[in-house]
Amino acid sequence: MALELRSTIKTGGTLEIMLAEVPIPDPGEDEVVVRVEASPINPSDLGLLFGAADMTGARFSGSADRPVVTADVPDGLMKTMAGRLDQSLPVGNEAAGVVVEAGASEAAQALMGKTVSIIGGAMYTQYRALRVNQCLAMSDDVTPAEAASWFVNPMTAQGMVETMRMEGHKALVHTAAASNLGQMLNRICLQDGVDLVNIVRRSDQAEILTDLGAAYVCDSSSAEFMAELTDALVATGATVAFDAIGGGRLAGQILTCMEAALNRTATEYSRYGSTTHKQVYIYGGLDRGPTEFNRGFGMAWGIGGWLLTPFLQKAGGEVINRLRQRVAAEIKTTFASNYTQVVSLAEMLTPDATAIYGKQATGEKFLINPNKDA
């Protein structure tokens, strides 16, 4: 038997997170069984892990090796959880580990004993059976810890640049830019010669990016933020932004500064504003409040959502394979991730751990090793 983390929101309005015993899977003909040794905690994982529960009042029980976390879901948010009520759901989007059993197909047998990065959900588990096409083989010098954050952040960062090109923009803006994803995006843009305007929320985060060679970094806490952002947009010509914050005024501020930058170089006045389309894509929700903006940026603009999976579906197999192969080739460099702690499944459910990774703070990313204590 193996351990697997499960999250359940019950009809009565209670979240329960626990470790369940599950059988070690057998592989099908074109499948492999991976001993999972590294899986990151991403913001997208927290959405399934915690749901709409209020984790400030979380309760911790059970034993050290079988902890149980419970928390209440506010009544007003229970409607948003209707689709998952009373279902024990496995958590974890991506991971890496070693193939310990393989099906009969040639492709499956070729992965036997190799370190692979994997995708497909239910990754907070000790053993996972997957189809061969859900695995990305890594070179022999790559460890599972190095290969774990191979999909969500690397493919998202590349997807942003691909979206910029597909839609005819020449530079881009990114918020919460000192994150692991933001640092990857910065490295991609430096390598590919793409101008990137990085927006952060603190001066120490700005220093992280300037030390990594970022040319344009704007601190939203600065009194001169709007002027500095406008200057950066004039210099780069960026007209598309990817916003991890979501709520608050930032998306509107970006559009306002894009319009100001375009007007600075305009050759004639238009009462309808610039005819150049300005776009902000919201792809995260670090601020859960309403998105606020004042329409001071003409009529050629858009605010919408952006998610990785719909982008990949639109991009198609050839693009997906190209992006995957770049990740495999540059997993130690361009797509390297940093973690503050490596925890077991049980250690993940302690009060101290949940308080840290639940904040989704820059520089406090956790990595789970489900077989750490095995």
Protein backbone atom coordinates (compact mmCIF):
# COMPACT_ATOMS: atom_id res chain seq x y z
CA MET A 1 0.00 0.00 0.00
CA ALA A 2 1.02 3.61 -0.58
CA LEU A 3 0.02 6.98 0.86
CA GLU A 4 -1.88 9.61 -1.11
CA LEU A 5 -3.10 13.03 -0.01
CA ARG A 6 -6.85 13.63 -0.34
CA SER A 7 -8.98 16.76 0.03
CA THR A 8 -12.74 16.63 0.70
CA ILE A 9 -15.29 19.40 1.17
CA LYS A 10 -18.30 17.97 2.96
CA THR A 11 -21.91 18.98 2.52
CA GLY A 12 -21.95 20.48 6.01
CA GLY A 13 -19.31 23.04 5.03
CA THR A 14 -16.12 21.44 6.34
CA LEU A 15 -12.85 20.88 4.49
CA GLU A 16 -10.94 17.72 5.45
CA ILE A 17 -7.39 16.97 4.26
CA MET A 18 -5.90 13.59 5.17
CA LEU A 19 -3.58 10.83 3.98
CA ALA A 20 -5.30 7.79 2.52
CA GLU A 21 -3.85 4.33 1.95
CA VAL A 22 -4.16 3.29 -1.69
CA PRO A 23 -2.89 0.24 -3.62
CA ILE A 24 0.37 0.60 -5.51
CA PRO A 25 -0.84 0.67 -9.13
CA ASP A 26 0.03 -1.79 -11.88
CA PRO A 27 0.97 -0.35 -15.27
CA GLY A 28 -1.01 -0.92 -18.44
CA GLU A 29 0.72 -1.84 -21.68
CA ASP A 30 1.65 1.77 -22.53
CA GLU A 31 2.02 2.96 -18.93
CA VAL A 32 4.74 3.23 -16.32
CA VAL A 33 4.69 3.36 -12.52
CA VAL A 34 6.69 6.23 -11.09
CA ARG A 35 8.03 6.38 -7.54
CA VAL A 36 7.26 10.04 -6.85
CA GLU A 37 10.18 11.81 -5.18
CA ALA A 38 9.42 15.50 -5.76
CA SER A 39 6.23 17.51 -6.30
CA PRO A 40 5.91 21.28 -5.89
CA ILE A 41 3.12 23.17 -4.15
CA ASN A 42 1.89 25.65 -6.75
CA PRO A 43 -0.89 28.24 -6.32
CA SER A 44 -2.98 26.12 -8.70
CA ASP A 45 -2.58 23.18 -6.31
CA LEU A 46 -3.79 25.24 -3.36
CA GLY A 47 -7.08 25.90 -5.13
CA LEU A 48 -7.91 22.19 -5.00
CA LEU A 49 -6.16 21.52 -1.69
CA PHE A 50 -7.96 24.20 0.34
CA GLY A 51 -10.95 24.99 -1.86
CA ALA A 52 -12.88 27.96 -0.47
CA ALA A 53 -12.09 27.09 3.16
CA ASP A 54 -11.00 29.76 5.63
CA MET A 55 -7.58 28.41 6.58
CA THR A 56 -7.03 31.05 9.27
CA GLY A 57 -9.19 28.86 11.51
CA ALA A 58 -7.73 25.52 10.44
CA ARG A 59 -7.71 22.71 13.01
CA PHE A 60 -5.05 20.02 13.23
CA SER A 61 -5.62 16.53 14.61
CA GLY A 62 -4.64 12.93 13.99
CA SER A 63 -1.13 11.57 14.59
CA ALA A 64 2.29 12.67 13.40
CA ASP A 65 2.29 10.15 10.55
CA ARG A 66 -1.45 10.42 9.80
CA PRO A 67 -2.33 14.08 10.33
CA VAL A 68 -5.78 15.47 9.56
CA VAL A 69 -6.49 19.12 8.74
CA THR A 70 -10.02 20.53 8.92
CA ALA A 71 -11.36 24.01 8.27
CA ASP A 72 -14.71 25.68 7.71
CA VAL A 73 -15.99 26.92 4.36
CA PRO A 74 -17.90 30.21 4.71
CA ASP A 75 -21.61 29.79 3.93
CA GLY A 76 -21.45 32.37 1.16
CA LEU A 77 -18.81 30.36 -0.72
CA MET A 78 -20.38 26.92 -0.51
CA LYS A 79 -22.16 27.38 -3.86
CA THR A 80 -18.78 27.63 -5.58
CA MET A 81 -17.85 24.22 -4.15
CA ALA A 82 -21.03 22.43 -5.31
CA GLY A 83 -19.23 20.41 -7.99
CA ARG A 84 -16.87 18.72 -5.54
CA LEU A 85 -18.97 18.13 -2.42
CA ASP A 86 -18.27 14.87 -0.55
CA GLN A 87 -15.68 13.75 -3.09
CA SER A 88 -12.29 12.64 -1.81
CA LEU A 89 -10.06 14.31 -4.39
CA PRO A 90 -6.34 13.64 -4.97
CA VAL A 91 -4.14 16.74 -5.24
CA GLY A 92 -0.98 17.77 -7.09
CA ASN A 93 -0.56 18.81 -10.72
CA GLU A 94 3.05 17.90 -11.50
CA ALA A 95 5.96 15.92 -10.12
CA ALA A 96 9.09 13.94 -10.90
CA GLY A 97 10.41 10.55 -9.87
CA VAL A 98 11.93 7.31 -11.05
CA VAL A 99 10.18 4.71 -13.20
CA VAL A 100 10.08 1.48 -11.15
CA GLU A 101 7.76 -0.60 -13.33
CA ALA A 102 6.87 -0.42 -17.01
CA GLY A 103 4.24 -1.87 -19.30
CA ALA A 104 4.97 -4.14 -22.23
CA SER A 105 5.16 -1.50 -24.97
CA GLU A 106 8.53 -0.46 -26.36
CA ALA A 107 7.98 3.15 -25.33
CA ALA A 108 7.16 2.16 -21.75
CA GLN A 109 10.12 -0.19 -21.47
CA ALA A 110 12.44 2.57 -22.73
CA LEU A 111 11.61 4.61 -19.60
CA MET A 112 12.42 1.87 -17.08
CA GLY A 113 14.77 3.18 -14.38
CA LYS A 114 14.79 6.73 -15.76
CA THR A 115 14.04 9.98 -13.99
CA VAL A 116 10.90 11.44 -15.54
CA SER A 117 8.87 14.58 -15.08
CA ILE A 118 5.15 13.81 -14.98
CA ILE A 119 1.79 15.55 -15.33
CA GLY A 120 -1.78 14.40 -14.86
CA GLY A 121 -2.98 15.21 -11.35
CA ALA A 122 -2.91 13.17 -8.12
CA MET A 123 0.83 13.79 -7.71
CA TYR A 124 0.86 14.07 -3.93
CA THR A 125 1.21 10.31 -3.74
CA GLN A 126 4.03 7.81 -3.33
CA TYR A 127 3.45 5.87 -6.57
CA ARG A 128 1.67 7.01 -9.72
CA ALA A 129 0.75 5.11 -12.87
CA LEU A 130 0.80 7.23 -16.03
CA ARG A 131 0.68 6.93 -19.77
CA VAL A 132 4.00 7.29 -21.54
CA ASN A 133 2.90 10.57 -23.14
CA GLN A 134 2.39 12.04 -19.65
CA CYS A 135 6.10 11.59 -18.93
CA LEU A 136 9.09 13.65 -20.02
CA ALA A 137 12.39 11.77 -19.73
CA MET A 138 15.26 13.72 -18.20
CA SER A 139 18.98 13.27 -18.76
CA ASP A 140 20.90 11.12 -16.29
CA ASP A 141 22.39 14.12 -14.45
CA VAL A 142 18.97 15.58 -13.53
CA THR A 143 17.50 14.73 -10.11
CA PRO A 144 13.76 14.44 -9.38
CA ALA A 145 13.97 17.62 -7.27
CA GLU A 146 15.40 19.52 -10.23
CA ALA A 147 12.81 18.06 -12.59
CA ALA A 148 9.69 18.49 -10.42
CA SER A 149 8.56 21.99 -11.46
CA TRP A 150 8.73 21.21 -15.15
CA PHE A 151 5.22 21.92 -16.41
CA VAL A 152 3.11 24.54 -14.63
CA ASN A 153 5.67 27.36 -14.41
CA PRO A 154 7.94 26.55 -17.40
CA MET A 155 5.08 25.94 -19.82
CA THR A 156 3.17 28.98 -18.51
CA ALA A 157 6.20 31.26 -18.92
CA GLN A 158 6.80 29.99 -22.44
CA GLY A 159 3.07 30.22 -23.19
CA MET A 160 3.09 33.92 -22.29
CA VAL A 161 5.85 34.62 -24.80
CA GLU A 162 4.12 32.48 -27.42
CA THR A 163 0.84 34.35 -26.82
CA MET A 164 2.63 37.67 -27.20
CA ARG A 165 3.96 36.58 -30.59
CA MET A 166 0.73 34.97 -31.78
CA GLU A 167 -1.24 38.15 -31.05
CA GLY A 168 1.25 40.51 -32.69
CA HIS A 169 2.70 42.24 -29.62
CA LYS A 170 6.44 42.89 -29.41
CA ALA A 171 7.06 43.04 -25.64
CA LEU A 172 5.22 42.11 -22.46
CA VAL A 173 4.52 43.00 -18.85
CA HIS A 174 4.44 40.55 -15.94
CA THR A 175 3.29 41.08 -12.35
CA ALA A 176 4.42 39.29 -9.17
CA ALA A 177 7.55 39.06 -11.25
CA ALA A 178 10.04 37.90 -8.60
CA SER A 179 8.29 34.53 -8.25
CA ASN A 180 9.82 31.31 -9.55
CA LEU A 181 7.67 31.70 -12.66
CA GLY A 182 8.68 35.34 -13.02
CA GLN A 183 12.36 34.50 -12.79
CA MET A 184 11.90 31.84 -15.49
CA LEU A 185 10.09 34.33 -17.72
CA ASN A 186 12.90 36.84 -17.21
CA ARG A 187 15.51 34.27 -18.27
CA ILE A 188 13.47 33.27 -21.33
CA CYS A 189 13.09 36.88 -22.44
CA LEU A 190 16.79 37.63 -21.94
CA GLN A 191 17.72 34.58 -24.01
CA ASP A 192 15.16 35.26 -26.74
CA GLY A 193 15.73 39.01 -26.99
CA VAL A 194 12.22 39.92 -25.83
CA ASP A 195 11.72 43.10 -23.80
CA LEU A 196 10.01 42.39 -20.48
CA VAL A 197 8.63 44.86 -17.94
CA ASN A 198 8.64 43.27 -14.48
CA ILE A 199 6.25 44.57 -11.80
CA VAL A 200 6.95 43.67 -8.16
CA ARG A 201 5.49 44.76 -4.84
CA ARG A 202 8.62 45.37 -2.75
CA SER A 203 12.11 46.79 -3.22
CA ASP A 204 13.82 43.54 -2.19
CA GLN A 205 11.90 41.74 -4.95
CA ALA A 206 13.14 44.34 -7.42
CA GLU A 207 16.71 43.58 -6.35
CA ILE A 208 16.21 39.87 -7.06
CA LEU A 209 15.33 40.63 -10.66
CA THR A 210 17.95 43.31 -11.30
CA ASP A 211 20.58 40.89 -9.98
CA LEU A 212 19.31 38.43 -12.62
CA GLY A 213 19.82 40.98 -15.38
CA ALA A 214 16.28 42.34 -15.73
CA ALA A 215 16.34 45.65 -17.60
CA TYR A 216 12.94 46.98 -16.53
CA VAL A 217 11.67 46.51 -12.97
CA CYS A 218 8.89 48.63 -11.46
CA ASP A 219 7.91 48.54 -7.79
CA SER A 220 4.16 49.06 -7.35
CA SER A 221 4.73 50.29 -3.78
CA SER A 222 6.80 53.24 -5.03
CA ALA A 223 5.29 56.72 -5.10
CA GLU A 224 6.65 57.04 -8.64
CA PHE A 225 5.27 53.70 -9.84
CA MET A 226 2.95 55.02 -12.57
CA ALA A 227 5.62 57.32 -14.04
CA GLU A 228 8.27 54.60 -13.92
CA LEU A 229 5.93 52.05 -15.50
CA THR A 230 5.01 54.48 -18.28
CA ASP A 231 8.70 55.13 -19.00
CA ALA A 232 9.34 51.38 -19.21
CA LEU A 233 6.40 50.94 -21.58
CA VAL A 234 7.66 53.75 -23.82
CA ALA A 235 11.08 52.10 -23.94
CA THR A 236 9.75 48.60 -24.71
CA GLY A 237 6.50 49.19 -26.57
CA ALA A 238 4.84 46.47 -24.45
CA THR A 239 1.08 46.25 -25.07
CA VAL A 240 0.24 42.91 -23.44
CA ALA A 241 0.46 42.06 -19.73
CA PHE A 242 0.06 38.89 -17.68
CA ASP A 243 -1.23 39.63 -14.19
CA ALA A 244 -0.93 37.18 -11.29
CA ILE A 245 -2.57 39.57 -8.81
CA GLY A 246 -6.07 39.72 -10.28
CA GLY A 247 -7.87 41.92 -7.76
CA GLY A 248 -7.32 45.57 -6.96
CA ARG A 249 -6.22 48.42 -9.21
CA LEU A 250 -3.09 47.00 -10.86
CA ALA A 251 -4.65 45.72 -14.11
CA GLY A 252 -6.27 49.11 -14.70
CA GLN A 253 -3.06 50.93 -13.85
CA ILE A 254 -1.18 48.88 -16.44
CA LEU A 255 -3.72 49.75 -19.14
CA THR A 256 -3.61 53.43 -18.14
CA CYS A 257 0.17 53.49 -18.41
CA MET A 258 0.09 51.64 -21.74
CA GLU A 259 -2.23 54.34 -23.09
CA ALA A 260 0.00 57.11 -21.69
CA ALA A 261 3.05 55.50 -23.29
CA LEU A 262 1.34 55.25 -26.68
CA ASN A 263 0.11 58.86 -26.48
CA ARG A 264 3.62 60.05 -25.69
CA THR A 265 4.76 58.94 -29.13
CA ALA A 266 1.49 59.65 -31.01
CA THR A 267 1.68 61.91 -34.05
CA GLU A 268 -1.90 63.13 -33.83
CA TYR A 269 -4.65 63.47 -31.23
CA SER A 270 -7.69 61.18 -31.10
CA ARG A 271 -10.55 61.78 -28.70
CA TYR A 272 -11.14 58.00 -28.65
CA GLY A 273 -7.60 57.28 -27.50
CA SER A 274 -4.94 55.17 -29.15
CA THR A 275 -6.04 52.69 -31.80
CA THR A 276 -3.37 50.22 -30.67
CA HIS A 277 -4.95 47.31 -28.77
CA LYS A 278 -3.82 46.99 -25.16
CA GLN A 279 -4.43 43.68 -23.37
CA VAL A 280 -4.16 42.50 -19.77
CA TYR A 281 -4.56 38.78 -19.12
CA ILE A 282 -5.32 37.80 -15.53
CA TYR A 283 -3.92 34.34 -14.83
CA GLY A 284 -3.79 34.30 -11.02
CA GLY A 285 -5.63 35.48 -7.92
CA LEU A 286 -3.14 36.63 -5.32
CA ASP A 287 -5.67 39.38 -4.54
CA ARG A 288 -9.14 37.83 -4.28
CA GLY A 289 -10.90 41.19 -4.24
CA PRO A 290 -12.69 42.82 -7.19
CA THR A 291 -10.68 44.01 -10.19
CA GLU A 292 -10.95 47.80 -10.21
CA PHE A 293 -10.17 50.17 -13.07
CA ASN A 294 -11.06 53.62 -14.40
CA ARG A 295 -11.53 53.76 -18.14
CA GLY A 296 -8.84 56.30 -18.90
CA PHE A 297 -7.21 54.25 -21.65
CA GLY A 298 -9.28 54.82 -24.77
CA MET A 299 -11.39 52.15 -26.45
CA ALA A 300 -8.82 49.70 -27.82
CA TRP A 301 -8.28 47.48 -24.80
CA GLY A 302 -9.18 44.20 -23.19
CA ILE A 303 -9.07 42.47 -19.81
CA GLY A 304 -9.55 38.71 -19.82
CA GLY A 305 -8.46 35.44 -18.30
CA TRP A 306 -5.55 33.29 -19.43
CA LEU A 307 -4.93 29.68 -18.45
CA LEU A 308 -2.25 27.29 -19.60
CA THR A 309 -4.44 24.37 -20.71
CA PRO A 310 -6.64 26.37 -23.14
CA PHE A 311 -3.49 27.98 -24.56
CA LEU A 312 -1.90 24.58 -25.18
CA GLN A 313 -5.07 23.29 -26.82
CA LYS A 314 -5.02 26.28 -29.14
CA ALA A 315 -1.28 26.07 -29.81
CA GLY A 316 -1.35 22.42 -30.93
CA GLY A 317 0.92 19.41 -30.72
CA GLU A 318 3.90 20.78 -32.62
CA VAL A 319 4.20 23.82 -30.35
CA ILE A 320 3.63 21.74 -27.21
CA ASN A 321 6.40 19.31 -28.16
CA ARG A 322 8.79 22.20 -28.89
CA LEU A 323 8.10 23.78 -25.51
CA ARG A 324 8.45 20.45 -23.67
CA GLN A 325 11.80 19.72 -25.29
CA ARG A 326 13.14 23.13 -24.34
CA VAL A 327 12.16 22.45 -20.73
CA ALA A 328 14.01 19.12 -20.77
CA ALA A 329 17.11 20.71 -22.30
CA GLU A 330 17.19 23.70 -19.92
CA ILE A 331 15.74 22.31 -16.68
CA LYS A 332 18.95 23.12 -14.76
CA THR A 333 19.26 26.66 -16.14
CA THR A 334 16.36 28.58 -17.67
CA PHE A 335 13.71 26.56 -15.85
CA ALA A 336 15.47 25.96 -12.54
CA SER A 337 13.29 26.40 -9.45
CA ASN A 338 14.21 27.30 -5.88
CA TYR A 339 12.56 25.84 -2.78
CA THR A 340 12.76 26.87 0.86
CA GLN A 341 11.73 23.51 2.32
CA VAL A 342 11.40 19.86 1.33
CA VAL A 343 8.66 18.09 3.32
CA SER A 344 7.01 14.70 3.46
CA LEU A 345 3.27 14.26 2.94
CA ALA A 346 2.75 14.24 6.70
CA GLU A 347 5.01 17.26 7.28
CA MET A 348 3.04 19.16 4.66
CA LEU A 349 -0.03 19.03 6.93
CA THR A 350 1.54 20.64 10.02
CA PRO A 351 0.42 24.07 11.26
CA ASP A 352 3.79 25.68 10.53
CA ALA A 353 3.97 24.35 6.97
CA THR A 354 0.42 25.25 5.96
CA ALA A 355 0.85 28.75 7.37
CA ILE A 356 3.90 29.33 5.17
CA TYR A 357 2.98 27.85 1.79
CA GLY A 358 -0.62 28.96 2.17
CA LYS A 359 0.52 32.59 1.94
CA GLN A 360 1.76 32.04 -1.65
CA ALA A 361 4.62 34.40 -0.85
CA THR A 362 7.60 34.96 -3.13
CA GLY A 363 10.63 33.03 -1.93
CA GLU A 364 8.67 30.51 0.18
CA LYS A 365 7.98 27.69 -2.27
CA PHE A 366 7.68 24.17 -0.84
CA LEU A 367 8.65 20.87 -2.45
CA ILE A 368 7.01 17.62 -1.32
CA ASN A 369 8.88 14.32 -1.34
CA PRO A 370 6.11 11.75 -0.78
CA ASN A 371 8.73 9.05 -0.17
CA LYS A 372 10.89 11.13 2.16
CA ASP A 373 10.19 8.96 5.21
CA ALA A 374 9.48 5.71 3.37
